[in-house]
N, C-alpha and C. Protein backbone atom coordinates (compact mmCIF):
# COMPACT_ATOMS: atom_id res chain seq x y z
N MET A 1 -1.48 26.83 52.12
CA MET A 1 -0.59 27.42 51.72
C MET A 1 -1.12 28.91 52.45
N LYS A 2 0.08 29.87 52.23
CA LYS A 2 -0.15 31.17 52.58
C LYS A 2 0.55 32.16 51.10
N TYR A 3 -0.39 33.19 50.74
CA TYR A 3 -0.51 34.29 49.34
C TYR A 3 0.21 35.31 49.81
N THR A 4 0.54 35.77 49.30
CA THR A 4 0.62 37.36 49.48
C THR A 4 -0.39 38.09 48.44
N PRO A 5 -0.72 39.58 48.86
CA PRO A 5 -1.18 40.14 47.91
C PRO A 5 -0.57 39.91 46.16
N LYS A 6 0.54 40.25 45.96
CA LYS A 6 1.27 40.10 44.98
C LYS A 6 1.35 38.80 44.16
N GLN A 7 1.02 37.78 45.58
CA GLN A 7 0.96 36.36 44.26
C GLN A 7 -0.23 36.14 43.95
N ILE A 8 -1.22 36.66 44.88
CA ILE A 8 -2.73 36.83 44.46
C ILE A 8 -3.23 37.37 43.24
N GLY A 9 -2.36 38.47 43.00
CA GLY A 9 -2.67 39.72 41.84
C GLY A 9 -1.85 38.68 40.88
N LYS A 10 -0.75 38.11 40.89
CA LYS A 10 -0.05 37.50 39.89
C LYS A 10 -1.02 36.23 38.95
N LEU A 11 -1.45 35.70 39.88
CA LEU A 11 -2.25 34.66 39.94
C LEU A 11 -3.76 35.05 39.18
N VAL A 12 -4.34 35.81 39.83
CA VAL A 12 -5.22 36.79 38.99
C VAL A 12 -5.15 37.36 37.69
N ARG A 13 -3.69 37.93 37.46
CA ARG A 13 -3.56 38.28 35.81
C ARG A 13 -3.13 37.47 35.04
N ASP A 14 -2.64 36.16 35.20
CA ASP A 14 -2.34 35.09 34.60
C ASP A 14 -3.29 34.29 34.23
N THR A 15 -4.34 34.30 35.26
CA THR A 15 -5.60 33.16 34.68
C THR A 15 -6.26 34.23 33.73
N ARG A 16 -6.28 35.11 34.09
CA ARG A 16 -7.20 36.50 33.03
C ARG A 16 -6.80 36.24 31.32
N LYS A 17 -5.60 36.30 31.54
CA LYS A 17 -4.59 36.11 30.37
C LYS A 17 -4.89 35.20 29.90
N GLN A 18 -4.75 34.09 30.29
CA GLN A 18 -4.83 32.49 30.06
C GLN A 18 -6.26 32.34 29.49
N LEU A 19 -7.51 32.72 29.83
CA LEU A 19 -8.19 32.74 29.30
C LEU A 19 -8.84 33.64 28.58
N GLY A 20 -8.06 34.68 28.23
CA GLY A 20 -8.13 35.60 26.26
C GLY A 20 -9.06 36.74 27.14
N VAL A 21 -9.05 37.21 28.70
CA VAL A 21 -9.97 38.21 28.94
C VAL A 21 -9.15 39.53 29.28
N THR A 22 -9.98 40.66 29.09
CA THR A 22 -8.97 41.52 29.00
C THR A 22 -9.25 42.32 30.98
N GLN A 23 -8.53 43.04 31.00
CA GLN A 23 -8.91 44.03 32.49
C GLN A 23 -10.32 44.37 32.70
N LYS A 24 -10.20 45.03 31.19
CA LYS A 24 -11.74 46.16 31.29
C LYS A 24 -12.63 44.96 31.17
N GLY A 25 -12.92 43.49 30.61
CA GLY A 25 -13.87 43.00 30.18
C GLY A 25 -13.90 41.96 31.74
N LEU A 26 -12.71 41.66 32.55
CA LEU A 26 -12.67 41.53 33.44
C LEU A 26 -13.22 42.48 34.88
N ALA A 27 -13.02 43.49 34.71
CA ALA A 27 -14.06 44.68 35.15
C ALA A 27 -15.89 44.22 35.23
N LEU A 28 -16.02 44.52 34.04
CA LEU A 28 -17.47 44.19 33.81
C LEU A 28 -18.14 43.27 34.17
N THR A 29 -17.47 42.14 33.85
CA THR A 29 -18.09 40.54 34.24
C THR A 29 -18.25 40.26 35.83
N SER A 30 -17.27 40.96 36.44
CA SER A 30 -17.20 41.00 37.95
C SER A 30 -17.73 42.18 38.75
N GLY A 31 -18.32 43.16 37.84
CA GLY A 31 -19.05 43.91 38.80
C GLY A 31 -18.17 45.08 39.56
N THR A 32 -16.77 44.79 38.84
CA THR A 32 -16.15 46.04 39.62
C THR A 32 -15.73 47.10 38.38
N GLY A 33 -14.36 47.64 38.86
CA GLY A 33 -14.39 48.71 38.09
C GLY A 33 -12.73 48.49 37.42
N LEU A 34 -12.33 49.06 36.62
CA LEU A 34 -10.98 48.76 36.01
C LEU A 34 -10.22 49.08 37.01
N ARG A 35 -9.93 50.46 37.78
CA ARG A 35 -9.05 50.80 38.46
C ARG A 35 -8.76 49.31 39.64
N PHE A 36 -9.88 48.79 39.94
CA PHE A 36 -9.70 47.93 41.15
C PHE A 36 -9.00 47.06 40.45
N ILE A 37 -9.24 45.87 39.10
CA ILE A 37 -8.51 44.82 38.49
C ILE A 37 -7.15 45.21 38.52
N ILE A 38 -6.80 46.71 38.05
CA ILE A 38 -5.51 47.15 37.89
C ILE A 38 -4.55 46.88 39.12
N ASP A 39 -5.49 47.45 40.35
CA ASP A 39 -4.61 47.19 41.77
C ASP A 39 -4.47 46.13 42.31
N LEU A 40 -5.68 44.88 42.14
CA LEU A 40 -5.55 44.21 42.19
C LEU A 40 -4.44 43.02 41.54
N GLU A 41 -4.15 43.11 40.60
CA GLU A 41 -3.43 42.52 39.58
C GLU A 41 -2.14 43.02 40.06
N LYS A 42 -1.65 44.57 40.20
CA LYS A 42 -0.12 44.57 41.06
C LYS A 42 -0.12 44.33 42.42
N GLY A 43 -0.84 43.89 43.15
CA GLY A 43 -0.89 43.39 44.59
C GLY A 43 -0.72 44.21 45.44
N LYS A 44 -1.68 45.54 45.19
CA LYS A 44 -2.21 46.48 46.32
C LYS A 44 -2.67 45.41 47.41
N PRO A 45 -2.44 45.50 48.16
CA PRO A 45 -2.50 44.91 49.69
C PRO A 45 -3.70 45.42 50.34
N THR A 46 -4.11 46.79 49.67
CA THR A 46 -5.44 47.27 50.96
C THR A 46 -6.72 46.75 49.97
N CYS A 47 -6.68 46.02 48.64
CA CYS A 47 -7.72 45.84 47.86
C CYS A 47 -9.00 45.20 48.99
N GLN A 48 -10.11 45.39 48.47
CA GLN A 48 -11.73 45.05 49.48
C GLN A 48 -11.83 43.57 49.18
N VAL A 49 -11.56 42.53 50.63
CA VAL A 49 -11.83 41.52 50.25
C VAL A 49 -12.83 40.97 49.47
N GLY A 50 -13.74 41.39 49.75
CA GLY A 50 -15.16 40.83 49.16
C GLY A 50 -14.94 40.79 47.43
N LYS A 51 -14.65 42.11 47.08
CA LYS A 51 -14.41 42.33 45.52
C LYS A 51 -13.38 41.45 44.95
N VAL A 52 -12.14 41.13 46.01
CA VAL A 52 -11.19 39.94 45.22
C VAL A 52 -12.03 38.54 45.54
N LEU A 53 -12.74 38.10 46.30
CA LEU A 53 -13.69 36.82 46.03
C LEU A 53 -14.63 36.85 44.99
N THR A 54 -15.04 38.19 44.54
CA THR A 54 -16.23 37.91 43.52
C THR A 54 -15.32 37.70 42.41
N VAL A 55 -13.91 38.62 41.90
CA VAL A 55 -13.29 38.08 41.00
C VAL A 55 -12.58 36.82 40.93
N LEU A 56 -12.52 36.44 41.78
CA LEU A 56 -11.60 35.00 41.91
C LEU A 56 -12.83 34.07 41.32
N GLN A 57 -13.85 34.40 41.66
CA GLN A 57 -15.05 33.41 41.53
C GLN A 57 -15.28 33.35 39.75
N THR A 58 -15.59 34.99 39.45
CA THR A 58 -15.40 35.22 38.35
C THR A 58 -14.75 34.28 37.39
N LEU A 59 -13.01 34.39 37.64
CA LEU A 59 -12.22 33.64 36.66
C LEU A 59 -12.19 32.21 36.91
N GLY A 60 -13.16 31.45 37.73
CA GLY A 60 -13.09 30.05 38.42
C GLY A 60 -12.24 29.49 39.18
N ILE A 61 -11.04 30.89 39.92
CA ILE A 61 -10.02 30.48 40.64
C ILE A 61 -10.97 29.90 42.33
N ASP A 62 -10.51 28.51 42.60
CA ASP A 62 -11.04 28.02 44.13
C ASP A 62 -9.98 28.60 44.97
N MET A 63 -10.45 28.57 45.99
CA MET A 63 -9.77 29.19 47.35
C MET A 63 -10.52 28.55 48.41
N SER A 64 -8.99 27.96 49.28
CA SER A 64 -9.47 26.90 50.49
C SER A 64 -8.84 27.38 51.37
N LEU A 65 -9.90 27.56 52.46
CA LEU A 65 -9.61 27.84 54.20
C LEU A 65 -9.44 27.04 55.01
N THR A 66 -8.24 26.78 55.88
CA THR A 66 -8.18 25.88 56.44
C THR A 66 -8.01 26.42 57.72
N PRO A 67 -9.13 26.19 58.76
CA PRO A 67 -8.79 26.72 60.55
C PRO A 67 -7.92 25.98 60.96
N PRO A 68 -6.91 26.14 61.67
CA PRO A 68 -5.91 25.77 62.60
C PRO A 68 -6.44 24.40 63.78
N ARG A 69 -5.77 23.62 63.63
CA ARG A 69 -6.32 22.33 64.25
C ARG A 69 -6.79 22.42 65.65
N GLN A 70 -6.39 23.21 66.29
CA GLN A 70 -6.89 23.43 67.77
C GLN A 70 -8.54 24.28 67.51
N ALA A 71 -9.00 24.84 66.64
CA ALA A 71 -9.70 25.17 66.18
C ALA A 71 -10.88 24.72 65.63
N GLU A 72 -10.79 23.41 65.06
CA GLU A 72 -11.35 22.43 64.51
C GLU A 72 -11.98 21.54 65.77
N THR A 73 -11.00 21.30 66.68
CA THR A 73 -11.31 20.05 67.87
C THR A 73 -12.26 20.76 68.93
N ASP A 74 -11.81 22.37 69.22
CA ASP A 74 -12.46 23.24 70.06
C ASP A 74 -14.25 23.05 69.45
N GLY A 75 -14.43 22.99 68.49
CA GLY A 75 -15.59 22.82 68.21
C GLY A 75 -16.80 21.47 68.06
N GLU A 76 -15.70 20.59 68.69
CA GLU A 76 -16.72 19.43 68.35
C GLU A 76 -16.75 19.02 69.78
């Protein structure tokens, strides 16, 4: 499934709220800044991928990457 920055932001916001965590609390526990969390939840497309991955892990959100079929067979 292909996700847009807005969809990822919504997933982060919805999960954070479901867990009862504030934006400030998420920023503290994920080692990011409050401004970063706000931007991520708004779907800012230029958020740093490393920090996004950290926030997803902090919230317990699993992510799966699947290479194209051709790339899978080329490596064998």
